[in-house]
């Protein structure tokens, strides 16, 4: 029955487990008295890369406890390194804001037709859904983020045409 479960809990549990294993090495580097910039670079290359692998696909549909588990890993790394790090939500938003304009620009991308500018040229057309599951997927979230940052990305899209 769990095979047909439409949740991301198993995926997120595996991600958290991998990230915690890599935090061990971050602790060892901290014990070796390495500088903060090297620790941050190691975090970004090993732990953050695990946390953000395919984040556009799963983040918006994972439940609250999974998001807390993921954020707990980031807070642990912050305590180890001693600097503030971007939250998992912030990483998701930055990845969406990077990916969506490239989809809008690429006419061969399958999602290109879903990222239409409204006639005003300032905002993207909202994607309607009857249930919340598709509403929490990548495209509606990307459209919402692009519209909340509309002046920056619509002008980029207009310049690339």
N, C-alpha and C. Protein backbone atom coordinates (compact mmCIF):
# COMPACT_ATOMS: atom_id res chain seq x y z
N UNK A 1 0.82 -1.20 0.00
CA UNK A 1 0.00 0.00 0.00
C UNK A 1 0.86 1.26 0.00
N UNK A 2 2.02 1.19 0.63
CA UNK A 2 2.87 2.36 0.68
C UNK A 2 3.49 2.67 -0.68
N UNK A 3 3.53 1.68 -1.55
CA UNK A 3 4.07 1.87 -2.89
C UNK A 3 3.25 2.91 -3.65
N UNK A 4 1.95 2.96 -3.41
CA UNK A 4 1.08 3.87 -4.13
C UNK A 4 0.78 5.15 -3.35
N UNK A 5 1.48 5.36 -2.27
CA UNK A 5 1.31 6.57 -1.48
C UNK A 5 1.87 7.76 -2.25
N UNK A 6 1.11 8.83 -2.31
CA UNK A 6 1.53 10.00 -3.07
C UNK A 6 2.15 11.07 -2.17
N UNK A 7 2.94 10.63 -1.22
CA UNK A 7 3.63 11.58 -0.35
C UNK A 7 5.12 11.53 -0.64
N UNK A 8 5.80 12.54 -0.14
CA UNK A 8 7.24 12.63 -0.32
C UNK A 8 7.99 12.27 0.96
N UNK A 9 7.32 11.66 1.92
CA UNK A 9 7.93 11.38 3.21
C UNK A 9 9.12 10.44 3.11
N UNK A 10 9.02 9.38 2.33
CA UNK A 10 10.15 8.45 2.20
C UNK A 10 11.34 9.14 1.55
N UNK A 11 11.07 9.94 0.53
CA UNK A 11 12.14 10.69 -0.12
C UNK A 11 12.82 11.63 0.87
N UNK A 12 12.03 12.37 1.62
CA UNK A 12 12.59 13.34 2.55
C UNK A 12 13.33 12.67 3.70
N UNK A 13 12.85 11.52 4.13
CA UNK A 13 13.56 10.78 5.18
C UNK A 13 14.95 10.37 4.69
N UNK A 14 15.03 9.91 3.46
CA UNK A 14 16.33 9.56 2.88
C UNK A 14 17.25 10.75 2.73
N UNK A 15 16.68 11.88 2.33
CA UNK A 15 17.47 13.10 2.18
C UNK A 15 18.02 13.55 3.53
N UNK A 16 17.17 13.54 4.54
CA UNK A 16 17.61 13.96 5.88
C UNK A 16 18.69 13.02 6.40
N UNK A 17 18.53 11.73 6.15
CA UNK A 17 19.53 10.76 6.60
C UNK A 17 20.88 11.02 5.93
N UNK A 18 20.87 11.23 4.62
CA UNK A 18 22.11 11.52 3.91
C UNK A 18 22.75 12.81 4.40
N UNK A 19 21.94 13.82 4.62
CA UNK A 19 22.46 15.11 5.06
C UNK A 19 23.08 15.00 6.45
N UNK A 20 22.43 14.24 7.34
CA UNK A 20 23.00 14.06 8.68
C UNK A 20 24.33 13.30 8.62
N UNK A 21 24.44 12.35 7.72
CA UNK A 21 25.71 11.64 7.57
C UNK A 21 26.81 12.59 7.12
N UNK A 22 26.49 13.53 6.28
CA UNK A 22 27.49 14.47 5.79
C UNK A 22 27.80 15.56 6.80
N UNK A 23 26.86 15.83 7.71
CA UNK A 23 27.15 16.78 8.78
C UNK A 23 28.27 16.26 9.69
N UNK A 24 28.41 14.95 9.79
CA UNK A 24 29.49 14.37 10.58
C UNK A 24 30.85 14.87 10.08
N UNK A 25 31.03 14.88 8.77
CA UNK A 25 32.29 15.35 8.20
C UNK A 25 32.47 16.84 8.41
N UNK A 26 31.38 17.58 8.39
CA UNK A 26 31.46 19.01 8.67
C UNK A 26 31.93 19.25 10.11
N UNK A 27 31.44 18.43 11.04
CA UNK A 27 31.89 18.53 12.44
C UNK A 27 33.38 18.24 12.55
N UNK A 28 33.85 17.22 11.83
CA UNK A 28 35.27 16.87 11.87
C UNK A 28 36.13 18.01 11.32
N UNK A 29 35.65 18.66 10.26
CA UNK A 29 36.39 19.80 9.71
C UNK A 29 36.40 20.97 10.69
N UNK A 30 35.31 21.16 11.40
CA UNK A 30 35.24 22.21 12.41
C UNK A 30 36.23 21.92 13.54
N UNK A 31 36.32 20.64 13.95
CA UNK A 31 37.27 20.25 15.00
C UNK A 31 38.71 20.46 14.56
N UNK A 32 38.97 20.41 13.25
CA UNK A 32 40.31 20.66 12.72
C UNK A 32 40.61 22.15 12.61
N UNK A 33 39.70 22.99 13.09
CA UNK A 33 39.87 24.46 13.14
C UNK A 33 40.04 25.08 11.75
N UNK A 34 39.25 24.61 10.80
CA UNK A 34 39.28 25.22 9.47
C UNK A 34 38.51 26.53 9.48
N UNK A 35 38.86 27.48 8.60
CA UNK A 35 38.15 28.76 8.55
C UNK A 35 36.68 28.60 8.12
N UNK A 36 35.88 29.57 8.49
CA UNK A 36 34.45 29.55 8.23
C UNK A 36 34.12 29.47 6.74
N UNK A 37 34.88 30.18 5.91
CA UNK A 37 34.57 30.16 4.47
C UNK A 37 34.79 28.77 3.86
N UNK A 38 35.75 28.02 4.36
CA UNK A 38 35.96 26.66 3.87
C UNK A 38 34.85 25.75 4.36
N UNK A 39 34.43 25.93 5.63
CA UNK A 39 33.32 25.14 6.16
C UNK A 39 32.03 25.40 5.38
N UNK A 40 31.80 26.67 5.06
CA UNK A 40 30.60 27.02 4.29
C UNK A 40 30.65 26.42 2.89
N UNK A 41 31.82 26.45 2.27
CA UNK A 41 31.97 25.85 0.94
C UNK A 41 31.74 24.35 1.00
N UNK A 42 32.27 23.70 2.03
CA UNK A 42 32.05 22.26 2.19
C UNK A 42 30.56 21.98 2.39
N UNK A 43 29.90 22.79 3.21
CA UNK A 43 28.45 22.62 3.43
C UNK A 43 27.69 22.75 2.12
N UNK A 44 27.99 23.79 1.36
CA UNK A 44 27.26 24.00 0.11
C UNK A 44 27.48 22.87 -0.88
N UNK A 45 28.69 22.31 -0.91
CA UNK A 45 28.99 21.25 -1.86
C UNK A 45 28.51 19.88 -1.45
N UNK A 46 28.40 19.63 -0.15
CA UNK A 46 28.04 18.28 0.28
C UNK A 46 26.64 18.19 0.88
N UNK A 47 26.34 19.04 1.83
CA UNK A 47 25.04 18.94 2.52
C UNK A 47 23.94 19.63 1.72
N UNK A 48 24.19 20.87 1.32
CA UNK A 48 23.15 21.62 0.59
C UNK A 48 22.83 20.97 -0.75
N UNK A 49 23.82 20.38 -1.39
CA UNK A 49 23.54 19.72 -2.66
C UNK A 49 22.60 18.53 -2.48
N UNK A 50 22.72 17.84 -1.35
CA UNK A 50 21.79 16.74 -1.05
C UNK A 50 20.40 17.29 -0.78
N UNK A 51 20.33 18.37 -0.01
CA UNK A 51 19.04 18.95 0.34
C UNK A 51 18.30 19.51 -0.87
N UNK A 52 19.02 20.00 -1.85
CA UNK A 52 18.37 20.69 -2.96
C UNK A 52 18.28 19.86 -4.24
N UNK A 53 18.69 18.61 -4.21
CA UNK A 53 18.59 17.78 -5.41
C UNK A 53 17.11 17.60 -5.77
N UNK A 54 16.73 18.06 -6.93
CA UNK A 54 15.34 18.00 -7.44
C UNK A 54 14.35 18.69 -6.50
N UNK A 55 14.78 19.72 -5.82
CA UNK A 55 13.92 20.40 -4.84
C UNK A 55 12.69 21.00 -5.52
N UNK A 56 12.80 21.38 -6.78
CA UNK A 56 11.65 21.96 -7.48
C UNK A 56 10.50 20.97 -7.60
N UNK A 57 10.82 19.69 -7.61
CA UNK A 57 9.78 18.68 -7.77
C UNK A 57 9.07 18.35 -6.47
N UNK A 58 9.78 18.25 -5.37
CA UNK A 58 9.18 17.69 -4.17
C UNK A 58 8.90 18.69 -3.06
N UNK A 59 9.55 19.83 -3.02
CA UNK A 59 9.45 20.69 -1.85
C UNK A 59 8.04 21.20 -1.59
N UNK A 60 7.36 21.66 -2.61
CA UNK A 60 6.05 22.28 -2.37
C UNK A 60 4.98 21.27 -1.98
N UNK A 61 5.20 19.98 -2.22
CA UNK A 61 4.22 18.97 -1.85
C UNK A 61 4.60 18.17 -0.61
N UNK A 62 5.68 18.52 0.06
CA UNK A 62 6.01 17.76 1.28
C UNK A 62 5.27 18.38 2.47
N UNK A 63 5.04 17.56 3.46
CA UNK A 63 4.25 18.03 4.60
C UNK A 63 5.11 18.83 5.59
N UNK A 64 4.45 19.39 6.57
CA UNK A 64 5.10 20.31 7.50
C UNK A 64 6.19 19.62 8.31
N UNK A 65 5.95 18.40 8.75
CA UNK A 65 6.97 17.71 9.56
C UNK A 65 8.22 17.41 8.74
N UNK A 66 8.05 17.10 7.45
CA UNK A 66 9.21 16.87 6.59
C UNK A 66 10.00 18.15 6.38
N UNK A 67 9.30 19.26 6.21
CA UNK A 67 10.00 20.54 6.06
C UNK A 67 10.77 20.91 7.32
N UNK A 68 10.18 20.61 8.48
CA UNK A 68 10.87 20.88 9.74
C UNK A 68 12.12 20.02 9.87
N UNK A 69 12.03 18.76 9.45
CA UNK A 69 13.20 17.88 9.49
C UNK A 69 14.31 18.40 8.60
N UNK A 70 13.95 18.86 7.40
CA UNK A 70 14.94 19.41 6.49
C UNK A 70 15.57 20.68 7.05
N UNK A 71 14.73 21.53 7.64
CA UNK A 71 15.24 22.78 8.21
C UNK A 71 16.11 22.50 9.43
N UNK A 72 15.82 21.44 10.15
CA UNK A 72 16.63 21.06 11.32
C UNK A 72 18.06 20.74 10.90
N UNK A 73 18.23 20.15 9.73
CA UNK A 73 19.57 19.87 9.22
C UNK A 73 20.31 21.18 8.96
N UNK A 74 19.62 22.15 8.36
CA UNK A 74 20.25 23.44 8.07
C UNK A 74 20.63 24.15 9.37
N UNK A 75 19.75 24.10 10.36
CA UNK A 75 20.07 24.74 11.65
C UNK A 75 21.25 24.06 12.33
N UNK A 76 21.35 22.75 12.20
CA UNK A 76 22.50 22.03 12.74
C UNK A 76 23.79 22.47 12.07
N UNK A 77 23.74 22.65 10.77
CA UNK A 77 24.93 23.13 10.05
C UNK A 77 25.27 24.56 10.45
N UNK A 78 24.25 25.38 10.69
CA UNK A 78 24.50 26.75 11.15
C UNK A 78 25.22 26.75 12.49
N UNK A 79 24.81 25.87 13.39
CA UNK A 79 25.46 25.78 14.69
C UNK A 79 26.91 25.30 14.56
N UNK A 80 27.14 24.37 13.66
CA UNK A 80 28.49 23.85 13.47
C UNK A 80 29.40 24.92 12.88
N UNK A 81 28.93 25.56 11.81
CA UNK A 81 29.76 26.54 11.10
C UNK A 81 29.84 27.85 11.86
N UNK A 82 28.72 28.26 12.47
CA UNK A 82 28.69 29.52 13.19
C UNK A 82 28.26 30.71 12.36
N UNK A 83 27.65 30.45 11.21
CA UNK A 83 27.13 31.53 10.36
C UNK A 83 25.70 31.20 9.96
N UNK A 84 24.99 32.21 9.50
CA UNK A 84 23.62 32.02 9.03
C UNK A 84 23.65 31.42 7.63
N UNK A 85 22.78 30.44 7.39
CA UNK A 85 22.69 29.78 6.09
C UNK A 85 21.27 29.94 5.55
N UNK A 86 21.10 29.88 4.22
CA UNK A 86 19.75 30.02 3.66
C UNK A 86 18.85 28.86 4.07
N UNK A 87 17.59 29.17 4.34
CA UNK A 87 16.61 28.14 4.72
C UNK A 87 16.28 27.26 3.52
N UNK A 88 15.68 26.13 3.78
CA UNK A 88 15.27 25.23 2.70
C UNK A 88 14.21 25.91 1.84
N UNK A 89 13.30 26.66 2.45
CA UNK A 89 12.29 27.40 1.70
C UNK A 89 12.96 28.44 0.80
N UNK A 90 13.96 29.13 1.32
CA UNK A 90 14.69 30.11 0.52
C UNK A 90 15.43 29.47 -0.64
N UNK A 91 16.00 28.28 -0.40
CA UNK A 91 16.68 27.56 -1.47
C UNK A 91 15.69 27.15 -2.55
N UNK A 92 14.51 26.68 -2.14
CA UNK A 92 13.48 26.31 -3.10
C UNK A 92 13.06 27.51 -3.94
N UNK A 93 12.83 28.63 -3.30
CA UNK A 93 12.41 29.82 -4.03
C UNK A 93 13.49 30.29 -5.00
N UNK A 94 14.73 30.28 -4.57
CA UNK A 94 15.79 30.73 -5.47
C UNK A 94 15.95 29.79 -6.65
N UNK A 95 15.78 28.48 -6.43
CA UNK A 95 15.88 27.53 -7.54
C UNK A 95 14.71 27.70 -8.51
N UNK A 96 13.51 27.95 -7.98
CA UNK A 96 12.36 28.20 -8.86
C UNK A 96 12.56 29.47 -9.67
N UNK A 97 13.07 30.50 -9.03
CA UNK A 97 13.26 31.77 -9.73
C UNK A 97 14.38 31.67 -10.77
N UNK A 98 15.26 30.71 -10.63
CA UNK A 98 16.28 30.50 -11.66
C UNK A 98 15.74 29.64 -12.80
N UNK A 99 14.94 28.64 -12.46
CA UNK A 99 14.49 27.68 -13.46
C UNK A 99 13.34 28.21 -14.33
N UNK A 100 12.40 28.91 -13.73
CA UNK A 100 11.21 29.35 -14.47
C UNK A 100 11.52 30.28 -15.64
N UNK A 101 12.39 31.28 -15.51
CA UNK A 101 12.69 32.10 -16.69
C UNK A 101 13.35 31.32 -17.83
N UNK A 102 14.15 30.33 -17.48
CA UNK A 102 14.77 29.54 -18.55
C UNK A 102 13.71 28.68 -19.26
N UNK A 103 12.70 28.22 -18.52
CA UNK A 103 11.60 27.48 -19.16
C UNK A 103 10.80 28.41 -20.05
N UNK A 104 10.54 29.63 -19.57
CA UNK A 104 9.78 30.60 -20.36
C UNK A 104 10.53 30.98 -21.64
N UNK A 105 11.83 30.98 -21.57
CA UNK A 105 12.65 31.36 -22.73
C UNK A 105 12.77 30.22 -23.75
N UNK A 106 12.80 28.98 -23.28
CA UNK A 106 13.01 27.81 -24.14
C UNK A 106 11.68 27.36 -24.76
N UNK A 107 11.50 27.61 -26.03
CA UNK A 107 10.23 27.27 -26.69
C UNK A 107 10.05 25.76 -26.87
N UNK A 108 11.11 24.99 -26.75
CA UNK A 108 11.00 23.54 -26.90
C UNK A 108 10.71 22.83 -25.58
N UNK A 109 10.75 23.54 -24.48
CA UNK A 109 10.50 22.93 -23.18
C UNK A 109 9.01 22.58 -23.07
N UNK A 110 8.68 21.40 -22.51
CA UNK A 110 7.26 21.00 -22.42
C UNK A 110 6.40 21.94 -21.59
N UNK A 111 6.99 22.62 -20.61
CA UNK A 111 6.22 23.54 -19.76
C UNK A 111 6.18 24.96 -20.31
N UNK A 112 6.82 25.21 -21.44
CA UNK A 112 6.89 26.57 -21.99
C UNK A 112 5.50 27.17 -22.21
N UNK A 113 4.56 26.37 -22.69
CA UNK A 113 3.23 26.90 -23.00
C UNK A 113 2.46 27.29 -21.74
N UNK A 114 2.87 26.78 -20.58
CA UNK A 114 2.17 27.10 -19.34
C UNK A 114 2.66 28.40 -18.70
N UNK A 115 3.75 28.94 -19.19
CA UNK A 115 4.28 30.20 -18.65
C UNK A 115 4.01 31.32 -19.63
N UNK A 116 2.76 31.76 -19.67
CA UNK A 116 2.34 32.83 -20.58
C UNK A 116 2.27 34.15 -19.85
N UNK A 117 2.77 35.18 -20.50
CA UNK A 117 2.60 36.52 -19.95
C UNK A 117 1.19 37.00 -20.25
N UNK A 118 0.63 37.74 -19.32
CA UNK A 118 -0.67 38.36 -19.55
C UNK A 118 -0.51 39.49 -20.57
N UNK A 119 -1.60 39.98 -21.16
CA UNK A 119 -1.48 41.05 -22.17
C UNK A 119 -0.74 42.29 -21.68
N UNK A 120 -0.76 42.55 -20.39
CA UNK A 120 -0.04 43.71 -19.88
C UNK A 120 1.48 43.52 -19.99
N UNK A 121 1.93 42.26 -20.06
CA UNK A 121 3.36 41.98 -20.15
C UNK A 121 4.09 42.08 -18.83
N UNK A 122 3.33 42.25 -17.73
CA UNK A 122 3.96 42.43 -16.43
C UNK A 122 3.86 41.21 -15.53
N UNK A 123 2.85 40.38 -15.76
CA UNK A 123 2.62 39.23 -14.88
C UNK A 123 2.36 37.99 -15.72
N UNK A 124 2.58 36.84 -15.10
CA UNK A 124 2.31 35.56 -15.76
C UNK A 124 0.90 35.09 -15.44
N UNK A 125 0.31 34.34 -16.36
CA UNK A 125 -1.03 33.81 -16.20
C UNK A 125 -1.02 32.74 -15.11
N UNK A 126 -1.96 32.84 -14.17
CA UNK A 126 -2.08 31.84 -13.10
C UNK A 126 -2.54 30.52 -13.67
N UNK A 127 -2.08 29.46 -13.05
CA UNK A 127 -2.48 28.12 -13.45
C UNK A 127 -3.55 27.65 -12.47
N UNK A 128 -4.71 27.34 -12.98
CA UNK A 128 -5.83 26.93 -12.15
C UNK A 128 -5.81 25.43 -11.91
N UNK A 129 -6.25 25.04 -10.72
CA UNK A 129 -6.36 23.62 -10.38
C UNK A 129 -7.56 23.43 -9.46
N UNK A 130 -8.19 22.27 -9.57
CA UNK A 130 -9.36 22.01 -8.74
C UNK A 130 -8.98 21.55 -7.33
N UNK A 131 -7.85 20.92 -7.19
CA UNK A 131 -7.41 20.44 -5.89
C UNK A 131 -6.12 21.13 -5.48
N UNK A 132 -5.72 20.93 -4.24
CA UNK A 132 -4.51 21.62 -3.76
C UNK A 132 -3.23 20.93 -4.20
N UNK A 133 -3.28 19.64 -4.48
CA UNK A 133 -2.06 18.93 -4.87
C UNK A 133 -1.41 19.53 -6.12
N UNK A 134 -2.15 19.69 -7.24
CA UNK A 134 -1.50 20.32 -8.39
C UNK A 134 -1.17 21.79 -8.13
N UNK A 135 -1.92 22.43 -7.27
CA UNK A 135 -1.66 23.84 -6.97
C UNK A 135 -0.33 24.00 -6.25
N UNK A 136 0.13 22.96 -5.58
CA UNK A 136 1.38 23.02 -4.85
C UNK A 136 2.55 22.48 -5.67
N UNK A 137 2.34 22.17 -6.94
CA UNK A 137 3.42 21.64 -7.76
C UNK A 137 4.30 22.78 -8.27
N UNK A 138 5.31 22.43 -9.06
CA UNK A 138 6.31 23.41 -9.47
C UNK A 138 5.73 24.58 -10.25
N UNK A 139 4.94 24.32 -11.29
CA UNK A 139 4.49 25.41 -12.15
C UNK A 139 3.67 26.48 -11.44
N UNK A 140 2.61 26.13 -10.69
CA UNK A 140 1.88 27.20 -10.00
C UNK A 140 2.74 27.95 -8.98
N UNK A 141 3.63 27.22 -8.30
CA UNK A 141 4.53 27.89 -7.35
C UNK A 141 5.48 28.82 -8.08
N UNK A 142 6.00 28.38 -9.23
CA UNK A 142 6.91 29.23 -10.01
C UNK A 142 6.20 30.47 -10.53
N UNK A 143 4.97 30.30 -11.00
CA UNK A 143 4.20 31.46 -11.49
C UNK A 143 3.96 32.44 -10.35
N UNK A 144 3.60 31.91 -9.18
CA UNK A 144 3.37 32.78 -8.03
C UNK A 144 4.65 33.54 -7.66
N UNK A 145 5.78 32.85 -7.65
CA UNK A 145 7.05 33.52 -7.33
C UNK A 145 7.43 34.54 -8.40
N UNK A 146 7.24 34.18 -9.67
CA UNK A 146 7.56 35.13 -10.73
C UNK A 146 6.68 36.36 -10.66
N UNK A 147 5.40 36.18 -10.35
CA UNK A 147 4.50 37.32 -10.25
C UNK A 147 4.83 38.18 -9.04
N UNK A 148 5.31 37.57 -7.97
CA UNK A 148 5.68 38.39 -6.80
C UNK A 148 7.00 39.12 -7.04
N UNK A 149 7.78 38.67 -8.01
CA UNK A 149 9.02 39.34 -8.40
C UNK A 149 8.90 39.80 -9.86
N UNK A 150 7.73 40.23 -10.25
CA UNK A 150 7.39 40.41 -11.67
C UNK A 150 8.24 41.44 -12.39
N UNK A 151 8.62 42.52 -11.78
CA UNK A 151 9.35 43.54 -12.52
C UNK A 151 10.71 43.04 -12.96
N UNK A 152 11.32 42.19 -12.16
CA UNK A 152 12.66 41.70 -12.48
C UNK A 152 12.61 40.66 -13.60
N UNK A 153 11.64 39.73 -13.58
CA UNK A 153 11.66 38.63 -14.51
C UNK A 153 10.89 38.88 -15.79
N UNK A 154 9.85 39.67 -15.75
CA UNK A 154 9.13 39.95 -16.99
C UNK A 154 9.99 40.79 -17.92
N UNK A 155 10.77 41.70 -17.35
CA UNK A 155 11.65 42.48 -18.21
C UNK A 155 12.74 41.59 -18.79
N UNK A 156 13.22 40.60 -18.03
CA UNK A 156 14.19 39.64 -18.54
C UNK A 156 13.58 38.85 -19.69
N UNK A 157 12.34 38.40 -19.52
CA UNK A 157 11.68 37.61 -20.55
C UNK A 157 11.47 38.45 -21.80
N UNK A 158 11.09 39.69 -21.65
CA UNK A 158 10.85 40.55 -22.81
C UNK A 158 12.14 40.83 -23.57
N UNK A 159 13.26 40.93 -22.85
CA UNK A 159 14.54 41.20 -23.51
C UNK A 159 15.06 39.99 -24.29
N UNK A 160 14.67 38.80 -23.89
CA UNK A 160 15.19 37.59 -24.54
C UNK A 160 14.38 37.18 -25.75
N UNK A 161 13.26 37.80 -26.00
CA UNK A 161 12.43 37.43 -27.17
C UNK A 161 12.96 37.99 -28.44
